[in-house]
Amino acid sequence: MTKIEALEREIRGLSAQELTEFRRWFAAFDAALWDVQFEADVAAGKLDALANEALAEHRAGRSRKL
């Protein structure tokens, strides 16, 4: 049995309250990992082209305030 299969089995066995707590924990855990990846991508310049394109569109008057 793989780790994933074992986790799936464990998750299926959770009570409704435990599942709610797991969802809350996993959402926070996943968001924190995403933040780390985003910061790494920014530091590596992976988003520079998108930022430059957005700034060019804004300078050309093709944006609006939200």
N, C-alpha and C. Protein backbone atom coordinates (compact mmCIF):
# COMPACT_ATOMS: atom_id res chain seq x y z
N MET A 1 0.85 -1.18 0.00
CA MET A 1 0.00 0.00 0.00
C MET A 1 0.89 1.24 0.00
N THR A 2 0.57 2.19 -0.86
CA THR A 2 1.35 3.42 -0.92
C THR A 2 0.96 4.36 0.22
N LYS A 3 1.78 5.37 0.44
CA LYS A 3 1.46 6.36 1.47
C LYS A 3 0.13 7.04 1.16
N ILE A 4 -0.08 7.34 -0.11
CA ILE A 4 -1.33 8.02 -0.51
C ILE A 4 -2.53 7.14 -0.21
N GLU A 5 -2.43 5.88 -0.56
CA GLU A 5 -3.54 4.95 -0.28
C GLU A 5 -3.80 4.85 1.22
N ALA A 6 -2.74 4.81 2.01
CA ALA A 6 -2.90 4.76 3.46
C ALA A 6 -3.56 6.03 3.98
N LEU A 7 -3.15 7.18 3.45
CA LEU A 7 -3.78 8.44 3.85
C LEU A 7 -5.25 8.48 3.46
N GLU A 8 -5.55 8.03 2.25
CA GLU A 8 -6.95 7.99 1.80
C GLU A 8 -7.79 7.15 2.75
N ARG A 9 -7.26 6.00 3.14
CA ARG A 9 -7.99 5.12 4.05
C ARG A 9 -8.20 5.80 5.40
N GLU A 10 -7.16 6.44 5.91
CA GLU A 10 -7.26 7.15 7.19
C GLU A 10 -8.28 8.28 7.11
N ILE A 11 -8.24 9.03 6.03
CA ILE A 11 -9.16 10.17 5.88
C ILE A 11 -10.60 9.69 5.80
N ARG A 12 -10.83 8.60 5.08
CA ARG A 12 -12.19 8.05 5.01
C ARG A 12 -12.71 7.64 6.38
N GLY A 13 -11.82 7.32 7.29
CA GLY A 13 -12.23 6.89 8.63
C GLY A 13 -12.44 8.01 9.61
N LEU A 14 -12.21 9.24 9.21
CA LEU A 14 -12.39 10.37 10.11
C LEU A 14 -13.86 10.65 10.38
N SER A 15 -14.14 11.12 11.59
CA SER A 15 -15.49 11.57 11.91
C SER A 15 -15.74 12.90 11.21
N ALA A 16 -16.97 13.35 11.22
CA ALA A 16 -17.31 14.63 10.59
C ALA A 16 -16.51 15.76 11.21
N GLN A 17 -16.38 15.76 12.54
CA GLN A 17 -15.63 16.82 13.22
C GLN A 17 -14.14 16.73 12.88
N GLU A 18 -13.60 15.52 12.86
CA GLU A 18 -12.19 15.34 12.50
C GLU A 18 -11.94 15.76 11.06
N LEU A 19 -12.87 15.47 10.18
CA LEU A 19 -12.72 15.86 8.78
C LEU A 19 -12.73 17.38 8.64
N THR A 20 -13.59 18.03 9.40
CA THR A 20 -13.62 19.49 9.39
C THR A 20 -12.29 20.06 9.87
N GLU A 21 -11.75 19.50 10.94
CA GLU A 21 -10.46 19.95 11.45
C GLU A 21 -9.34 19.68 10.44
N PHE A 22 -9.40 18.51 9.78
CA PHE A 22 -8.39 18.17 8.78
C PHE A 22 -8.46 19.15 7.61
N ARG A 23 -9.66 19.45 7.14
CA ARG A 23 -9.81 20.40 6.02
C ARG A 23 -9.21 21.75 6.38
N ARG A 24 -9.50 22.21 7.59
CA ARG A 24 -8.99 23.51 8.04
C ARG A 24 -7.46 23.48 8.09
N TRP A 25 -6.90 22.39 8.65
CA TRP A 25 -5.46 22.26 8.73
C TRP A 25 -4.85 22.19 7.33
N PHE A 26 -5.43 21.37 6.46
CA PHE A 26 -4.84 21.18 5.14
C PHE A 26 -4.90 22.46 4.32
N ALA A 27 -5.98 23.22 4.43
CA ALA A 27 -6.09 24.49 3.71
C ALA A 27 -4.97 25.44 4.13
N ALA A 28 -4.71 25.52 5.44
CA ALA A 28 -3.63 26.39 5.93
C ALA A 28 -2.26 25.86 5.48
N PHE A 29 -2.07 24.56 5.56
CA PHE A 29 -0.82 23.92 5.15
C PHE A 29 -0.56 24.17 3.66
N ASP A 30 -1.57 23.96 2.84
CA ASP A 30 -1.43 24.14 1.40
C ASP A 30 -1.16 25.60 1.05
N ALA A 31 -1.85 26.52 1.73
CA ALA A 31 -1.64 27.95 1.48
C ALA A 31 -0.21 28.35 1.83
N ALA A 32 0.32 27.82 2.93
CA ALA A 32 1.68 28.15 3.33
C ALA A 32 2.69 27.64 2.30
N LEU A 33 2.48 26.44 1.78
CA LEU A 33 3.36 25.91 0.75
C LEU A 33 3.28 26.75 -0.52
N TRP A 34 2.07 27.18 -0.88
CA TRP A 34 1.90 28.01 -2.06
C TRP A 34 2.63 29.33 -1.89
N ASP A 35 2.55 29.90 -0.69
CA ASP A 35 3.26 31.17 -0.43
C ASP A 35 4.76 31.00 -0.61
N VAL A 36 5.30 29.90 -0.11
CA VAL A 36 6.74 29.64 -0.25
C VAL A 36 7.10 29.51 -1.73
N GLN A 37 6.30 28.77 -2.49
CA GLN A 37 6.57 28.59 -3.91
C GLN A 37 6.47 29.92 -4.66
N PHE A 38 5.46 30.72 -4.32
CA PHE A 38 5.28 32.03 -4.96
C PHE A 38 6.48 32.92 -4.70
N GLU A 39 6.93 32.98 -3.45
CA GLU A 39 8.10 33.80 -3.11
C GLU A 39 9.35 33.32 -3.86
N ALA A 40 9.50 32.00 -3.98
CA ALA A 40 10.65 31.45 -4.71
C ALA A 40 10.56 31.83 -6.19
N ASP A 41 9.37 31.77 -6.76
CA ASP A 41 9.19 32.14 -8.16
C ASP A 41 9.48 33.62 -8.38
N VAL A 42 9.04 34.46 -7.45
CA VAL A 42 9.32 35.90 -7.55
C VAL A 42 10.82 36.14 -7.49
N ALA A 43 11.48 35.52 -6.52
CA ALA A 43 12.93 35.71 -6.36
C ALA A 43 13.70 35.23 -7.58
N ALA A 44 13.18 34.19 -8.24
CA ALA A 44 13.85 33.64 -9.42
C ALA A 44 13.51 34.40 -10.70
N GLY A 45 12.63 35.40 -10.58
CA GLY A 45 12.27 36.20 -11.75
C GLY A 45 11.26 35.54 -12.67
N LYS A 46 10.63 34.47 -12.21
CA LYS A 46 9.69 33.74 -13.07
C LYS A 46 8.42 34.53 -13.38
N LEU A 47 8.15 35.57 -12.60
CA LEU A 47 6.92 36.35 -12.82
C LEU A 47 7.21 37.71 -13.45
N ASP A 48 8.47 37.98 -13.72
CA ASP A 48 8.84 39.29 -14.26
C ASP A 48 8.14 39.61 -15.57
N ALA A 49 8.05 38.65 -16.47
CA ALA A 49 7.42 38.90 -17.77
C ALA A 49 5.95 39.26 -17.58
N LEU A 50 5.28 38.57 -16.69
CA LEU A 50 3.86 38.89 -16.44
C LEU A 50 3.71 40.28 -15.83
N ALA A 51 4.57 40.60 -14.89
CA ALA A 51 4.51 41.93 -14.26
C ALA A 51 4.79 43.01 -15.29
N ASN A 52 5.79 42.81 -16.12
CA ASN A 52 6.12 43.80 -17.15
C ASN A 52 4.97 43.99 -18.13
N GLU A 53 4.32 42.89 -18.50
CA GLU A 53 3.18 42.98 -19.41
C GLU A 53 2.04 43.76 -18.77
N ALA A 54 1.76 43.48 -17.51
CA ALA A 54 0.69 44.19 -16.81
C ALA A 54 1.00 45.68 -16.69
N LEU A 55 2.25 46.01 -16.37
CA LEU A 55 2.63 47.42 -16.27
C LEU A 55 2.53 48.12 -17.62
N ALA A 56 2.90 47.45 -18.68
CA ALA A 56 2.80 48.04 -20.02
C ALA A 56 1.34 48.29 -20.37
N GLU A 57 0.47 47.36 -20.06
CA GLU A 57 -0.96 47.53 -20.32
C GLU A 57 -1.50 48.72 -19.52
N HIS A 58 -1.05 48.85 -18.28
CA HIS A 58 -1.50 49.95 -17.44
C HIS A 58 -1.02 51.29 -18.01
N ARG A 59 0.24 51.35 -18.38
CA ARG A 59 0.80 52.58 -18.95
C ARG A 59 0.09 52.97 -20.25
N ALA A 60 -0.39 51.98 -20.97
CA ALA A 60 -1.08 52.23 -22.25
C ALA A 60 -2.55 52.60 -22.01
N GLY A 61 -2.96 52.66 -20.75
CA GLY A 61 -4.33 53.06 -20.45
C GLY A 61 -5.34 51.93 -20.56
N ARG A 62 -4.89 50.72 -20.60
CA ARG A 62 -5.79 49.58 -20.74
C ARG A 62 -6.04 48.87 -19.41
N SER A 63 -6.13 49.66 -18.34
CA SER A 63 -6.46 49.11 -17.03
C SER A 63 -7.42 50.05 -16.34
N ARG A 64 -8.01 49.56 -15.28
CA ARG A 64 -8.93 50.39 -14.52
C ARG A 64 -8.80 50.03 -13.04
N LYS A 65 -9.15 50.97 -12.20
CA LYS A 65 -9.11 50.72 -10.75
C LYS A 65 -10.21 49.76 -10.37
N LEU A 66 -9.89 48.91 -9.44
CA LEU A 66 -10.89 47.96 -8.94
C LEU A 66 -11.63 48.51 -7.76
